Amino acid sequence: MEFEPVAFMEVLKSGVLQDIHPALASFCKMNAQRFSFDDIFSVEKRRILWEDILKLIRECSDPSFNQLSLSSLLILSRDKIIAESVEEDCIEFLLRCAGLGEVSAQGEINYDVVLAALKCLSNLTFNSPIVQVYISKCHCTASIIRRLKEVSDPNIPHLVKFFDLKLLFLITAKCPEIVNRVKNEEQAIEVLTRALSETTGARQSPAASSAYFLTVEQIDLASEILKVLFNIMVKNEESIPENQHIEILGLLHDLLLFGAPDEKKLDDIRSHSINLLMIIPSILYDILTPPLVGAQDKPQFEGKNMEILVVMSDFLYRRLVVSRTDIALSAVGVKNLMENVSPILTVLSRGCLAQRSMRKFLRNKILPPLTDEVMQRPEMGDTSRNLLCALLTTPITQVRDLAADFLFILCKEKVARFVKYVGYGNAAGLLANRGLMLGGRGKMGHYSSDSEDSDTEEYKLIKDQINPIIGCYEEPRPDPMENMSEEQKEYEAVKLVEKIDQLTRSGVIQPCRVGPDGRPVPVDHVLQLQEELARMHAPLQDDSDEDSD
């Protein structure tokens, strides 16, 4: 049965509730998945329709009719043109319907009406900067936070709690000017932290465990809470007291260890937890690896429980696998790669710089002593090291730099060790950016001194046959100039110089040498490259290869 827009609007104008109710029900059913209305209503008719339905809600006191009318407005609120034409009094009315207005209805609450109004407000806030201005002027966030204090109340439906948080997330994301008020006057961080604990059970048992599974509803609520906390904390990093950071870190520790019904939900809760970890001072990350107490079956290192690092490194690995299979660099692919990989790389890099035990444990897990894997290029294979090395040449510079930084930190910022694990070709970008192409060491962190050589016997056997440029074993090749006379060799060398000079003059290539600051410097003539040859190889031969931790 086709929807008849003209007949529908005539029924609404008639004012006969017995006819309007089934007409609204039909409208909702037939347009539930519609997001564009150009083919059934003109812009002007959409505005008239919005006003007619809104008038019906104002004049009718029947909750079931109002819930149906609000569901109709919800469908229309997906239209950006409608959202941008909404008046302030309409927003105030919807807030009252959602129980968030300054004057909320007394008596029994109809949560179907509340939920429909919340969904409508979420759409309008997302779609319209005008609505965002209206929202920022009112104090609906205080009402949302007040209701979140009752998050454990079983009488409040899950979806009402979820859309309370969804609306609060949209407001804190779209109206940054009110974030300070939400944090200071409404004490949102304290309320949200308590709600997170009550919702998930985090920090309410002696020890978190992956044997404890969160439900889908718990994960959905916790994810929205974490998103709102991120919005508030990222704009107030300097003013949040240490005790709040410590409390949130404890909650994140447990959330990262908890299980979930399926892998997607598990990734959701861990992703949002790691996003929030990015803005917590890394000096406090030792809370994530507490002293080991009677749990001998847990991953451990230097007397600390390293279970959380196993979880995060496995999470990184899964994200790296996804990034390799989703290799197409479409706009969506680039966005997904940045969102999936950047946060976890940032957290692990910050943790390794701040916490020595974290770096040493992850170094052993991600960059163990090399054995027969040096028979193939560092970027080829399925290990975390291989997948990270593959990112060192991605055109997505943010991800490339984060992957390079992480590997460099695991290598204690030693150029020789970094080149050993990733190959000079893969390492060149980071070394050029930091002025380390002549070797040496970075200055981001403070590391213990090396004491011994940890090369494996397998590595030592073929060490001299490893090509440092590609970072793997290379079969000996016959010398192409073996049977050439000196005149022939000189002739071939001159031809090569001429071709390089031709490419340089045409702008196809730009030959460089390594300058005194360790960064590439363009040469005036290709013959200058010969003068630099010995010095360019020096860091690969002379830098210490001690590799104890």
Protein backbone atom coordinates (compact mmCIF):
# COMPACT_ATOMS: atom_id res chain seq x y z
CA MET A 1 0.00 0.00 0.00
CA GLU A 2 1.47 3.34 -1.07
CA PHE A 3 1.66 6.30 1.25
CA GLU A 4 -0.54 9.21 0.09
CA PRO A 5 1.03 12.47 1.33
CA VAL A 6 -1.88 14.73 0.32
CA ALA A 7 -4.50 12.54 1.98
CA PHE A 8 -2.30 12.25 5.07
CA MET A 9 -2.00 16.03 5.46
CA GLU A 10 -5.77 16.45 4.97
CA VAL A 11 -6.46 13.95 7.76
CA LEU A 12 -4.15 15.90 10.10
CA LYS A 13 -5.95 19.15 9.25
CA SER A 14 -9.34 17.59 10.02
CA GLY A 15 -8.55 17.37 13.74
CA VAL A 16 -10.49 14.10 14.10
CA LEU A 17 -8.38 11.97 16.46
CA GLN A 18 -10.08 8.73 15.42
CA ASP A 19 -8.81 9.30 11.87
CA ILE A 20 -5.46 10.86 12.79
CA HIS A 21 -4.30 7.98 15.01
CA PRO A 22 -4.30 5.29 12.26
CA ALA A 23 -2.91 7.81 9.76
CA LEU A 24 0.08 8.52 12.05
CA ALA A 25 0.56 4.80 12.66
CA SER A 26 0.62 4.18 8.90
CA PHE A 27 3.06 7.08 8.38
CA CYS A 28 5.45 5.69 11.01
CA LYS A 29 5.27 2.14 9.67
CA MET A 30 5.82 3.06 6.02
CA ASN A 31 8.57 5.62 6.63
CA ALA A 32 10.46 4.04 9.52
CA GLN A 33 13.63 3.65 7.41
CA ARG A 34 13.26 6.85 5.38
CA PHE A 35 15.92 9.54 5.67
CA SER A 36 14.99 11.70 2.69
CA PHE A 37 11.56 13.22 2.03
CA ASP A 38 12.15 15.10 -1.22
CA ASP A 39 10.11 12.57 -3.22
CA ILE A 40 6.96 12.79 -1.05
CA PHE A 41 6.96 16.28 0.54
CA SER A 42 8.25 19.66 -0.58
CA VAL A 43 10.28 21.70 1.93
CA GLU A 44 7.28 23.88 2.73
CA LYS A 45 4.96 20.91 3.20
CA ARG A 46 7.51 19.29 5.52
CA ARG A 47 7.50 22.40 7.69
CA ILE A 48 3.70 22.53 7.73
CA LEU A 49 3.56 18.82 8.60
CA TRP A 50 6.01 19.33 11.48
CA GLU A 51 3.94 22.21 12.90
CA ASP A 52 0.64 20.31 12.52
CA ILE A 53 1.95 17.25 14.39
CA LEU A 54 3.53 19.42 17.07
CA LYS A 55 0.21 21.22 17.56
CA LEU A 56 -1.56 17.89 17.99
CA ILE A 57 0.85 16.87 20.74
CA ARG A 58 0.42 20.16 22.58
CA GLU A 59 -3.37 19.89 22.51
CA CYS A 60 -3.73 16.19 23.33
CA SER A 61 -3.16 14.63 26.76
CA ASP A 62 -3.37 10.99 25.66
CA PRO A 63 0.15 9.46 26.25
CA SER A 64 -0.23 6.75 23.60
CA PHE A 65 -1.29 9.32 20.99
CA ASN A 66 1.57 11.62 21.98
CA GLN A 67 4.05 8.76 21.76
CA LEU A 68 2.86 8.02 18.23
CA SER A 69 2.99 11.71 17.29
CA LEU A 70 6.51 12.04 18.68
CA SER A 71 7.54 8.96 16.68
CA SER A 72 6.29 10.80 13.57
CA LEU A 73 8.34 13.87 14.54
CA LEU A 74 11.33 11.59 15.08
CA ILE A 75 11.14 10.44 11.45
CA LEU A 76 10.85 14.03 10.22
CA SER A 77 13.70 15.18 12.49
CA ARG A 78 16.15 13.23 10.30
CA ASP A 79 15.69 15.98 7.71
CA LYS A 80 18.29 18.74 8.14
CA ILE A 81 16.04 21.40 6.64
CA ILE A 82 13.39 20.66 9.27
CA ALA A 83 16.00 20.69 12.03
CA GLU A 84 17.28 24.10 10.96
CA SER A 85 13.76 25.61 10.97
CA VAL A 86 12.82 24.46 14.49
CA GLU A 87 11.96 27.23 16.94
CA GLU A 88 13.25 27.55 20.49
CA ASP A 89 9.82 26.94 22.05
CA CYS A 90 9.65 23.63 20.19
CA ILE A 91 12.93 22.51 21.79
CA GLU A 92 11.65 23.57 25.22
CA PHE A 93 8.48 21.57 24.66
CA LEU A 94 10.40 18.46 23.57
CA LEU A 95 12.66 18.79 26.61
CA ARG A 96 9.59 18.81 28.83
CA CYS A 97 8.27 15.72 27.05
CA ALA A 98 11.62 14.05 27.72
CA GLY A 99 11.45 15.02 31.39
CA LEU A 100 14.42 17.36 30.98
CA GLY A 101 12.73 20.74 31.00
CA GLU A 102 12.74 23.30 33.80
CA VAL A 103 9.11 22.37 34.52
CA SER A 104 8.73 18.62 34.17
CA ALA A 105 5.38 16.89 34.28
CA GLN A 106 4.35 15.55 37.67
CA GLY A 107 2.81 12.16 38.33
CA GLU A 108 3.49 8.87 36.60
CA ILE A 109 6.15 9.05 33.87
CA ASN A 110 5.35 7.58 30.47
CA TYR A 111 8.75 6.33 29.35
CA ASP A 112 7.56 5.67 25.79
CA VAL A 113 6.91 9.41 25.41
CA VAL A 114 10.20 10.23 27.15
CA LEU A 115 12.13 7.91 24.82
CA ALA A 116 10.51 9.25 21.64
CA ALA A 117 11.27 12.84 22.73
CA LEU A 118 14.89 11.93 23.56
CA LYS A 119 15.40 10.37 20.13
CA CYS A 120 13.89 13.41 18.45
CA LEU A 121 16.14 15.78 20.43
CA SER A 122 19.19 13.69 19.53
CA ASN A 123 18.42 13.95 15.81
CA LEU A 124 17.77 17.69 16.00
CA THR A 125 20.93 18.35 18.03
CA PHE A 126 23.02 16.32 15.60
CA ASN A 127 21.58 17.98 12.48
CA SER A 128 21.21 21.64 13.42
CA PRO A 129 23.66 24.26 14.74
CA ILE A 130 20.59 26.38 15.55
CA VAL A 131 19.25 23.69 17.87
CA GLN A 132 22.70 23.37 19.43
CA VAL A 133 22.51 27.06 20.37
CA TYR A 134 19.07 26.55 21.93
CA ILE A 135 20.29 23.50 23.84
CA SER A 136 23.37 25.30 25.16
CA LYS A 137 21.16 28.10 26.58
CA CYS A 138 19.02 25.78 28.65
CA HIS A 139 20.16 23.64 31.56
CA CYS A 140 18.94 20.29 30.28
CA THR A 141 22.36 18.74 30.97
CA ALA A 142 21.71 19.19 34.69
CA SER A 143 18.48 17.20 34.31
CA ILE A 144 20.22 14.45 32.36
CA ILE A 145 22.97 14.19 34.98
CA ARG A 146 20.40 14.18 37.75
CA ARG A 147 18.66 11.24 36.08
CA LEU A 148 22.01 9.45 35.57
CA LYS A 149 22.43 9.40 39.33
CA GLU A 150 19.65 6.79 39.23
CA VAL A 151 21.34 4.71 36.53
CA SER A 152 21.02 1.56 38.63
CA ASP A 153 17.25 2.05 39.03
CA PRO A 154 15.62 -0.97 37.32
CA ASN A 155 12.38 0.99 36.83
CA ILE A 156 14.04 3.29 34.28
CA PRO A 157 14.15 1.50 30.90
CA HIS A 158 17.56 0.77 29.43
CA LEU A 159 16.85 2.74 26.25
CA VAL A 160 15.96 5.87 28.25
CA LYS A 161 19.33 5.66 30.03
CA PHE A 162 21.05 5.01 26.70
CA PHE A 163 19.48 7.99 24.92
CA ASP A 164 20.07 10.23 27.95
CA LEU A 165 23.75 9.47 27.49
CA LYS A 166 23.54 9.74 23.70
CA LEU A 167 22.00 13.22 23.99
CA LEU A 168 24.58 14.26 26.61
CA PHE A 169 27.35 13.05 24.31
CA LEU A 170 25.97 15.08 21.38
CA ILE A 171 25.59 18.18 23.54
CA THR A 172 29.15 17.99 24.92
CA ALA A 173 30.49 17.34 21.41
CA LYS A 174 28.47 19.99 19.56
CA CYS A 175 28.31 22.66 22.29
CA PRO A 176 31.88 22.87 23.69
CA GLU A 177 31.10 26.20 25.36
CA ILE A 178 29.03 24.46 28.04
CA VAL A 179 31.52 21.69 28.87
CA ASN A 180 33.11 23.65 31.74
CA ARG A 181 29.69 24.25 33.25
CA VAL A 182 28.85 20.56 32.94
CA LYS A 183 32.12 19.63 34.63
CA ASN A 184 32.23 22.20 37.42
CA GLU A 185 28.66 23.16 38.29
CA GLU A 186 27.01 19.84 37.53
CA GLN A 187 29.94 17.62 38.66
CA ALA A 188 29.53 15.43 35.60
CA ILE A 189 32.83 13.55 35.98
CA GLU A 190 31.95 12.32 39.47
CA VAL A 191 28.43 11.29 38.44
CA LEU A 192 29.57 9.57 35.25
CA THR A 193 32.39 7.75 37.03
CA ARG A 194 29.96 6.41 39.62
CA ALA A 195 27.48 5.49 36.87
CA LEU A 196 30.21 3.60 35.01
CA SER A 197 31.05 1.57 38.10
CA GLU A 198 27.39 0.83 38.92
CA THR A 199 26.59 -0.08 35.32
CA THR A 200 29.48 -2.51 34.78
CA GLY A 201 30.48 -3.68 38.24
CA ALA A 202 34.02 -2.40 37.67
CA ARG A 203 35.99 -1.86 40.89
CA GLN A 204 33.27 -3.61 42.84
CA SER A 205 35.06 -6.95 43.09
CA PRO A 206 38.55 -7.77 44.42
CA ALA A 207 39.99 -8.66 41.02
CA ALA A 208 38.76 -8.07 37.48
CA SER A 209 38.84 -11.04 35.15
CA SER A 210 38.08 -11.90 31.55
CA ALA A 211 35.82 -14.61 32.99
CA TYR A 212 33.36 -11.84 33.95
CA PHE A 213 31.21 -11.07 30.91
CA LEU A 214 29.42 -7.78 30.44
CA THR A 215 26.00 -7.88 28.81
CA VAL A 216 25.18 -6.03 25.60
CA GLU A 217 23.18 -3.46 27.57
CA GLN A 218 26.07 -2.89 30.00
CA ILE A 219 28.50 -2.39 27.13
CA ASP A 220 26.20 0.03 25.31
CA LEU A 221 25.75 2.20 28.42
CA ALA A 222 29.43 2.01 29.37
CA SER A 223 30.51 3.00 25.85
CA GLU A 224 28.29 6.10 25.91
CA ILE A 225 29.57 7.05 29.39
CA LEU A 226 33.18 6.72 28.20
CA LYS A 227 32.44 8.90 25.17
CA VAL A 228 30.91 11.64 27.34
CA LEU A 229 33.82 11.45 29.79
CA PHE A 230 36.22 11.87 26.87
CA ASN A 231 34.40 14.98 25.62
CA ILE A 232 34.53 16.57 29.07
CA MET A 233 38.05 15.54 30.07
CA VAL A 234 39.77 16.33 26.78
CA LYS A 235 38.78 19.99 27.20
CA ASN A 236 39.84 20.09 30.87
CA GLU A 237 43.01 18.00 30.97
CA GLU A 238 44.95 20.39 33.19
CA SER A 239 42.22 21.00 35.76
CA ILE A 240 41.23 17.42 36.60
CA PRO A 241 42.64 16.35 39.99
CA GLU A 242 44.90 13.33 40.23
CA ASN A 243 42.50 11.34 42.40
CA GLN A 244 39.85 11.47 39.64
CA HIS A 245 42.39 10.25 37.10
CA ILE A 246 43.35 7.40 39.43
CA GLU A 247 39.73 6.38 39.98
CA ILE A 248 39.00 6.39 36.24
CA LEU A 249 42.19 4.44 35.51
CA GLY A 250 41.06 1.75 37.93
CA LEU A 251 37.72 1.49 36.13
CA LEU A 252 39.41 1.35 32.72
CA HIS A 253 41.73 -1.40 33.99
CA ASP A 254 38.72 -3.56 34.84
CA LEU A 255 36.78 -2.72 31.68
CA LEU A 256 39.73 -3.74 29.51
CA LEU A 257 39.85 -7.12 31.24
CA PHE A 258 36.13 -7.92 31.20
CA GLY A 259 34.73 -10.22 28.54
CA ALA A 260 31.83 -9.56 26.15
CA PRO A 261 29.18 -11.60 24.29
CA ASP A 262 30.92 -11.21 20.93
CA GLU A 263 34.07 -9.77 19.40
CA LYS A 264 32.38 -6.63 18.09
CA LYS A 265 31.06 -5.65 21.53
CA LEU A 266 34.43 -6.51 23.05
CA ASP A 267 36.16 -4.20 20.57
CA ASP A 268 33.60 -1.46 21.30
CA ILE A 269 34.25 -1.31 25.04
CA ARG A 270 38.02 -1.66 24.64
CA SER A 271 38.15 0.97 21.92
CA HIS A 272 36.32 3.57 24.03
CA SER A 273 38.42 2.67 27.10
CA ILE A 274 41.65 3.17 25.15
CA ASN A 275 40.40 6.48 23.75
CA LEU A 276 39.94 7.73 27.31
CA LEU A 277 43.37 6.39 28.33
CA MET A 278 44.93 8.75 25.77
CA ILE A 279 44.08 11.81 27.88
CA ILE A 280 45.09 10.42 31.27
CA PRO A 281 48.66 11.28 32.39
CA SER A 282 50.94 8.38 31.45
CA ILE A 283 52.89 8.77 34.69
CA LEU A 284 49.88 7.07 36.35
CA TYR A 285 49.87 4.09 33.99
CA ASP A 286 51.60 1.93 36.61
CA ILE A 287 48.09 1.47 38.05
CA LEU A 288 47.37 -0.68 34.99
CA THR A 289 50.12 -3.13 35.99
CA PRO A 290 49.65 -3.69 39.73
CA PRO A 291 52.00 -5.84 41.84
CA LEU A 292 51.34 -9.54 41.39
CA VAL A 293 49.64 -10.98 44.45
CA GLY A 294 49.03 -14.71 44.55
CA ALA A 295 47.97 -14.93 40.90
CA GLN A 296 50.78 -17.01 39.50
CA ASP A 297 48.76 -17.97 36.41
CA LYS A 298 48.67 -14.35 35.19
CA PRO A 299 51.15 -12.91 32.66
CA GLN A 300 53.86 -11.29 34.77
CA PHE A 301 57.08 -9.35 34.49
CA GLU A 302 59.34 -7.98 37.21
CA GLY A 303 56.75 -8.86 39.86
CA LYS A 304 53.88 -7.05 38.10
CA ASN A 305 50.63 -8.35 36.64
CA MET A 306 50.90 -7.71 32.89
CA GLU A 307 47.51 -9.09 31.89
CA ILE A 308 46.35 -5.65 30.77
CA LEU A 309 49.30 -5.32 28.38
CA VAL A 310 48.50 -8.69 26.85
CA VAL A 311 44.93 -7.46 26.27
CA MET A 312 46.10 -4.18 24.70
CA SER A 313 48.78 -5.78 22.52
CA ASP A 314 46.27 -8.39 21.29
CA PHE A 315 43.80 -5.58 20.61
CA LEU A 316 46.50 -3.78 18.60
CA TYR A 317 47.22 -6.95 16.66
CA ARG A 318 43.56 -7.41 15.68
CA ARG A 319 43.36 -3.80 14.57
CA LEU A 320 46.54 -4.21 12.50
CA VAL A 321 45.14 -7.31 10.81
CA VAL A 322 41.97 -5.40 9.92
CA SER A 323 44.03 -2.47 8.59
CA ARG A 324 45.94 -4.81 6.27
CA THR A 325 42.81 -6.50 4.88
CA ASP A 326 41.10 -3.11 4.46
CA ILE A 327 43.99 -1.86 2.36
CA ALA A 328 41.98 0.28 -0.08
CA LEU A 329 42.79 3.91 0.63
CA SER A 330 39.31 5.27 0.08
CA ALA A 331 38.19 8.11 2.32
CA VAL A 332 36.36 5.60 4.50
CA GLY A 333 39.37 3.25 4.56
CA VAL A 334 41.72 6.04 5.65
CA LYS A 335 39.29 7.18 8.35
CA ASN A 336 38.88 3.63 9.65
CA LEU A 337 42.63 3.03 9.73
CA MET A 338 43.25 6.22 11.69
CA GLU A 339 40.41 5.57 14.14
CA ASN A 340 41.28 1.90 14.63
CA VAL A 341 45.05 2.06 15.00
CA SER A 342 46.02 5.57 16.15
CA PRO A 343 44.58 5.50 19.71
CA ILE A 344 46.10 2.17 20.75
CA LEU A 345 49.50 3.12 19.28
CA THR A 346 49.35 6.44 21.14
CA VAL A 347 48.52 4.79 24.47
CA LEU A 348 51.20 2.11 24.17
CA SER A 349 53.86 4.63 23.12
CA ARG A 350 53.03 6.94 26.03
CA GLY A 351 53.05 4.01 28.43
CA CYS A 352 56.39 2.69 27.20
CA LEU A 353 57.99 6.12 27.55
CA ALA A 354 56.69 6.58 31.08
CA GLN A 355 56.89 3.04 32.47
CA ARG A 356 60.08 1.03 31.98
CA SER A 357 58.46 -2.31 32.81
CA MET A 358 55.74 -1.72 30.19
CA ARG A 359 58.32 -1.05 27.50
CA LYS A 360 60.41 -4.10 28.37
CA PHE A 361 57.41 -6.43 28.48
CA LEU A 362 56.01 -5.15 25.16
CA ARG A 363 59.45 -5.21 23.59
CA ASN A 364 59.77 -8.92 24.43
CA LYS A 365 56.27 -9.57 23.06
CA ILE A 366 56.40 -7.47 19.88
CA LEU A 367 60.15 -7.38 19.09
CA PRO A 368 61.56 -10.64 20.48
CA PRO A 369 65.16 -11.61 19.57
CA LEU A 370 65.37 -12.31 15.85
CA THR A 371 65.69 -15.89 14.65
CA ASP A 372 64.75 -17.38 11.28
CA GLU A 373 62.22 -14.57 10.57
CA VAL A 374 65.14 -12.53 9.19
CA MET A 375 64.89 -14.71 6.09
CA GLN A 376 62.05 -12.47 4.88
CA ARG A 377 61.47 -8.72 4.84
CA PRO A 378 60.32 -7.17 8.13
CA GLU A 379 57.02 -6.02 6.58
CA MET A 380 56.20 -9.51 5.26
CA GLY A 381 54.42 -11.92 7.61
CA ASP A 382 51.69 -12.08 10.21
CA THR A 383 53.38 -11.04 13.44
CA SER A 384 52.81 -7.71 15.18
CA ARG A 385 56.32 -6.65 14.13
CA ASN A 386 55.53 -7.43 10.47
CA LEU A 387 52.22 -5.58 10.53
CA LEU A 388 53.74 -2.53 12.24
CA CYS A 389 56.63 -2.44 9.77
CA ALA A 390 54.10 -2.53 6.92
CA LEU A 391 52.65 0.74 8.28
CA LEU A 392 56.02 2.50 8.06
CA THR A 393 55.50 3.12 4.35
CA THR A 394 51.77 3.89 4.37
CA PRO A 395 50.85 7.25 2.80
CA ILE A 396 48.66 7.97 5.87
CA THR A 397 51.28 10.03 7.66
CA GLN A 398 49.62 10.11 11.09
CA VAL A 399 49.48 6.31 11.33
CA ARG A 400 52.94 5.92 9.79
CA ASP A 401 54.54 8.27 12.31
CA LEU A 402 52.77 6.67 15.28
CA ALA A 403 53.86 3.18 14.22
CA ALA A 404 57.44 4.38 13.71
CA ASP A 405 57.48 6.16 17.09
CA PHE A 406 56.19 3.06 18.88
CA LEU A 407 58.78 0.74 17.33
CA PHE A 408 61.55 3.28 17.93
CA ILE A 409 60.59 3.55 21.62
CA LEU A 410 60.57 -0.24 21.94
CA CYS A 411 64.11 -0.12 20.55
CA LYS A 412 65.09 2.41 23.28
CA GLU A 413 65.38 5.01 20.49
CA LYS A 414 68.62 3.41 19.31
CA VAL A 415 69.11 3.78 15.57
CA ALA A 416 71.11 0.56 15.10
CA ARG A 417 68.55 -1.52 16.95
CA PHE A 418 65.68 0.13 15.09
CA VAL A 419 67.32 -0.53 11.72
CA LYS A 420 68.02 -4.10 12.75
CA TYR A 421 64.32 -4.79 13.36
CA VAL A 422 62.67 -2.78 10.57
CA GLY A 423 65.32 -2.26 7.88
CA TYR A 424 66.97 1.03 6.93
CA GLY A 425 64.49 1.59 4.07
CA ASN A 426 61.51 1.42 6.44
CA ALA A 427 63.35 3.41 9.12
CA ALA A 428 64.50 6.24 6.85
CA GLY A 429 61.40 8.41 7.28
CA LEU A 430 61.62 8.58 11.06
CA LEU A 431 65.41 8.96 11.03
CA ALA A 432 65.24 11.80 8.51
CA ASN A 433 62.54 13.61 10.53
CA ARG A 434 64.56 13.37 13.72
CA GLY A 435 67.99 14.08 12.29
CA LEU A 436 69.28 10.59 13.08
CA MET A 437 70.37 9.35 9.66
CA LEU A 438 73.96 9.33 10.89
CA GLY A 439 73.05 7.06 13.80
CA GLY A 440 72.89 7.79 17.48
CA ARG A 441 69.91 7.86 19.78
CA GLY A 442 66.66 9.75 20.21
CA LYS A 443 65.88 12.00 23.17
CA MET A 444 62.22 11.30 23.95
CA GLY A 445 62.76 8.97 26.90
CA HIS A 446 65.29 7.93 29.53
CA TYR A 447 66.41 4.32 29.32
CA SER A 448 68.61 1.95 31.28
CA SER A 449 72.01 1.05 29.84
CA ASP A 450 72.60 -2.18 27.92
CA SER A 451 74.74 -4.89 29.45
CA GLU A 452 74.88 -7.82 27.05
CA ASP A 453 74.28 -9.00 23.50
CA SER A 454 71.03 -10.91 23.04
CA ASP A 455 71.43 -12.01 19.41
CA THR A 456 70.21 -15.57 18.89
CA GLU A 457 72.46 -18.25 17.43
CA GLU A 458 70.29 -18.38 14.29
CA TYR A 459 70.72 -14.62 13.80
CA LYS A 460 74.47 -14.72 14.34
CA LEU A 461 74.92 -17.41 11.67
CA ILE A 462 73.55 -15.16 8.91
CA LYS A 463 74.19 -11.75 10.40
CA ASP A 464 76.83 -10.86 7.81
CA GLN A 465 74.48 -11.75 4.97
CA ILE A 466 71.63 -9.50 6.14
CA ASN A 467 71.02 -6.52 3.91
CA PRO A 468 70.49 -3.60 6.35
CA ILE A 469 68.49 -1.65 3.77
CA ILE A 470 65.74 -4.23 3.40
CA GLY A 471 66.29 -5.69 6.89
CA CYS A 472 66.53 -9.37 5.95
CA TYR A 473 68.80 -12.10 4.62
CA GLU A 474 69.79 -11.70 0.97
CA GLU A 475 71.25 -14.46 -1.18
CA PRO A 476 74.76 -13.67 -2.42
CA ARG A 477 74.59 -12.32 -5.94
CA PRO A 478 77.18 -12.72 -8.69
CA ASP A 479 79.28 -9.59 -9.22
CA PRO A 480 78.01 -8.05 -12.51
CA MET A 481 81.38 -6.36 -13.00
CA GLU A 482 83.46 -9.47 -12.35
CA ASN A 483 84.55 -9.95 -15.97
CA MET A 484 84.66 -6.26 -16.90
CA SER A 485 87.85 -4.40 -17.64
CA GLU A 486 88.58 -1.16 -15.80
CA GLU A 487 87.64 0.79 -18.92
CA GLN A 488 84.23 -0.96 -19.08
CA LYS A 489 83.60 -0.28 -15.41
CA GLU A 490 84.44 3.37 -15.87
CA TYR A 491 82.19 3.58 -18.92
CA GLU A 492 79.19 2.07 -17.02
CA ALA A 493 79.81 4.40 -14.07
CA VAL A 494 79.79 7.46 -16.33
CA LYS A 495 76.55 6.27 -17.98
CA LEU A 496 74.94 5.86 -14.55
CA VAL A 497 76.02 9.34 -13.43
CA GLU A 498 74.67 10.84 -16.66
CA LYS A 499 71.29 9.15 -16.18
CA ILE A 500 71.03 10.29 -12.59
CA ASP A 501 72.02 13.81 -13.63
CA GLN A 502 69.37 13.77 -16.37
CA LEU A 503 66.67 12.68 -13.90
CA THR A 504 67.81 15.35 -11.45
CA ARG A 505 67.71 18.15 -14.00
CA SER A 506 64.23 17.10 -15.15
CA GLY A 507 63.00 17.15 -11.54
CA VAL A 508 62.09 13.46 -11.42
CA ILE A 509 64.44 12.80 -8.49
CA GLN A 510 66.29 14.94 -5.97
CA PRO A 511 69.54 13.27 -4.81
CA CYS A 512 70.47 14.08 -1.21
CA ARG A 513 73.26 13.51 1.25
CA VAL A 514 73.08 13.42 5.01
CA GLY A 515 73.89 16.81 6.48
CA PRO A 516 75.69 17.57 9.77
CA ASP A 517 72.30 17.68 11.56
CA GLY A 518 71.49 14.12 10.49
CA ARG A 519 68.82 15.19 8.01
CA PRO A 520 68.85 14.83 4.19
CA VAL A 521 70.27 17.81 2.29
CA PRO A 522 69.96 18.18 -1.53
CA VAL A 523 73.27 17.88 -3.41
CA ASP A 524 74.40 20.28 -6.12
CA HIS A 525 75.95 17.51 -8.20
CA VAL A 526 75.57 13.73 -8.18
CA LEU A 527 79.33 13.27 -7.68
CA GLN A 528 78.89 14.64 -4.16
CA LEU A 529 77.13 11.40 -3.33
CA GLN A 530 80.39 9.46 -3.65
CA GLU A 531 82.04 11.62 -1.00
CA GLU A 532 79.24 10.78 1.44
CA LEU A 533 79.17 7.03 0.79
CA ALA A 534 81.42 5.93 3.65
CA ARG A 535 79.81 8.27 6.17
CA MET A 536 76.28 7.12 5.26
CA HIS A 537 77.20 3.50 6.06
CA ALA A 538 78.92 4.36 9.32
CA PRO A 539 75.87 4.21 11.63
CA LEU A 540 74.97 0.76 10.40
CA GLN A 541 78.45 -0.59 11.15
CA ASP A 542 79.70 1.32 14.16
CA ASP A 543 76.65 1.77 16.38
CA SER A 544 76.48 -0.55 19.37
CA ASP A 545 74.49 -3.70 18.77
CA GLU A 546 73.98 -4.56 22.41
CA ASP A 547 70.41 -5.56 22.80
CA SER A 548 69.72 -6.83 26.31
CA ASP A 549 66.24 -5.48 26.89
